[in-house]
């Protein structure tokens, strides 16, 4: 993994954490799952 990728991942994780919090507090669970959680899983684990 290159340094750029690592930095990118860190940024994404921070971005997603905020989105996760917003998703849980705000919109319905389905939109939250479809828009945030699934892309998060794809980006980090596939």
N, C-alpha and C. Protein backbone atom coordinates (compact mmCIF):
# COMPACT_ATOMS: atom_id res chain seq x y z
N UNK A 1 0.84 -1.20 0.00
CA UNK A 1 0.00 0.00 0.00
C UNK A 1 0.88 1.26 0.00
N UNK A 2 0.62 2.14 -0.93
CA UNK A 2 1.42 3.36 -1.02
C UNK A 2 1.02 4.36 0.05
N UNK A 3 1.85 5.35 0.26
CA UNK A 3 1.57 6.39 1.25
C UNK A 3 0.28 7.13 0.88
N UNK A 4 0.14 7.43 -0.41
CA UNK A 4 -1.07 8.13 -0.88
C UNK A 4 -2.33 7.35 -0.54
N UNK A 5 -2.29 6.05 -0.79
CA UNK A 5 -3.44 5.20 -0.47
C UNK A 5 -3.74 5.21 1.02
N UNK A 6 -2.69 5.16 1.79
CA UNK A 6 -2.86 5.13 3.25
C UNK A 6 -3.52 6.43 3.73
N UNK A 7 -3.02 7.56 3.22
CA UNK A 7 -3.59 8.85 3.59
C UNK A 7 -5.04 8.94 3.13
N UNK A 8 -5.29 8.45 1.93
CA UNK A 8 -6.63 8.45 1.38
C UNK A 8 -7.58 7.65 2.26
N UNK A 9 -7.12 6.49 2.71
CA UNK A 9 -7.92 5.64 3.60
C UNK A 9 -8.24 6.37 4.91
N UNK A 10 -7.22 7.03 5.46
CA UNK A 10 -7.43 7.76 6.71
C UNK A 10 -8.50 8.82 6.53
N UNK A 11 -8.40 9.57 5.42
CA UNK A 11 -9.37 10.61 5.13
C UNK A 11 -10.77 10.01 4.97
N UNK A 12 -10.82 8.91 4.21
CA UNK A 12 -12.12 8.25 3.99
C UNK A 12 -12.73 7.78 5.31
N UNK A 13 -11.89 7.20 6.15
CA UNK A 13 -12.40 6.71 7.43
C UNK A 13 -13.00 7.84 8.26
N UNK A 14 -12.30 9.00 8.26
CA UNK A 14 -12.79 10.15 9.00
C UNK A 14 -14.11 10.62 8.42
N UNK A 15 -14.15 10.70 7.08
CA UNK A 15 -15.36 11.12 6.37
C UNK A 15 -16.51 10.17 6.68
N UNK A 16 -16.23 8.88 6.63
CA UNK A 16 -17.28 7.90 6.88
C UNK A 16 -17.76 7.91 8.32
N UNK A 17 -16.85 8.14 9.26
CA UNK A 17 -17.27 8.21 10.67
C UNK A 17 -18.31 9.30 10.85
N UNK A 18 -18.04 10.48 10.26
CA UNK A 18 -19.00 11.58 10.35
C UNK A 18 -20.33 11.19 9.70
N UNK A 19 -20.24 10.55 8.53
CA UNK A 19 -21.44 10.12 7.82
C UNK A 19 -22.21 9.08 8.62
N UNK A 20 -21.48 8.17 9.27
CA UNK A 20 -22.12 7.14 10.09
C UNK A 20 -22.92 7.78 11.21
N UNK A 21 -22.30 8.77 11.87
CA UNK A 21 -22.98 9.46 12.97
C UNK A 21 -24.22 10.18 12.45
N UNK A 22 -24.06 10.91 11.34
CA UNK A 22 -25.19 11.61 10.74
C UNK A 22 -26.28 10.64 10.33
N UNK A 23 -25.86 9.53 9.71
CA UNK A 23 -26.81 8.52 9.25
C UNK A 23 -27.63 7.93 10.38
N UNK A 24 -26.95 7.67 11.50
CA UNK A 24 -27.64 7.07 12.64
C UNK A 24 -28.59 8.09 13.28
N UNK A 25 -28.12 9.33 13.42
CA UNK A 25 -28.95 10.36 14.06
C UNK A 25 -30.07 10.85 13.16
N UNK A 26 -29.76 10.97 11.86
CA UNK A 26 -30.72 11.59 10.94
C UNK A 26 -31.61 10.59 10.23
N UNK A 27 -31.27 10.34 8.98
CA UNK A 27 -32.15 9.61 8.06
C UNK A 27 -32.45 8.19 8.50
N UNK A 28 -33.42 7.59 7.80
CA UNK A 28 -33.83 6.21 8.08
C UNK A 28 -32.70 5.22 7.86
N UNK A 29 -32.83 4.08 8.48
CA UNK A 29 -31.78 3.07 8.45
C UNK A 29 -31.48 2.55 7.03
N UNK A 30 -32.49 2.41 6.19
CA UNK A 30 -32.27 1.83 4.87
C UNK A 30 -31.40 2.72 4.00
N UNK A 31 -31.70 4.01 4.00
CA UNK A 31 -30.90 4.95 3.22
C UNK A 31 -29.48 4.97 3.75
N UNK A 32 -29.39 4.98 5.07
CA UNK A 32 -28.10 4.95 5.74
C UNK A 32 -27.28 3.75 5.30
N UNK A 33 -27.90 2.58 5.31
CA UNK A 33 -27.20 1.36 4.90
C UNK A 33 -26.78 1.40 3.44
N UNK A 34 -27.72 1.80 2.58
CA UNK A 34 -27.45 1.77 1.15
C UNK A 34 -26.38 2.79 0.76
N UNK A 35 -26.47 4.00 1.31
CA UNK A 35 -25.57 5.07 0.87
C UNK A 35 -24.22 5.07 1.56
N UNK A 36 -24.16 4.62 2.79
CA UNK A 36 -22.93 4.79 3.57
C UNK A 36 -22.30 3.46 3.95
N UNK A 37 -23.05 2.59 4.57
CA UNK A 37 -22.46 1.38 5.14
C UNK A 37 -21.92 0.43 4.09
N UNK A 38 -22.71 0.18 3.06
CA UNK A 38 -22.28 -0.76 2.02
C UNK A 38 -21.05 -0.24 1.27
N UNK A 39 -21.03 1.03 0.80
CA UNK A 39 -19.82 1.54 0.16
C UNK A 39 -18.61 1.50 1.10
N UNK A 40 -18.85 1.74 2.39
CA UNK A 40 -17.78 1.69 3.38
C UNK A 40 -17.16 0.29 3.43
N UNK A 41 -18.00 -0.72 3.49
CA UNK A 41 -17.55 -2.11 3.50
C UNK A 41 -16.77 -2.43 2.22
N UNK A 42 -17.33 -2.01 1.08
CA UNK A 42 -16.68 -2.29 -0.20
C UNK A 42 -15.30 -1.64 -0.25
N UNK A 43 -15.22 -0.38 0.16
CA UNK A 43 -13.94 0.34 0.10
C UNK A 43 -12.89 -0.26 1.03
N UNK A 44 -13.32 -0.74 2.18
CA UNK A 44 -12.35 -1.15 3.18
C UNK A 44 -12.02 -2.63 3.19
N UNK A 45 -12.94 -3.46 2.73
CA UNK A 45 -12.71 -4.89 2.89
C UNK A 45 -12.68 -5.71 1.61
N UNK A 46 -13.00 -5.08 0.46
CA UNK A 46 -12.97 -5.86 -0.78
C UNK A 46 -11.81 -5.47 -1.67
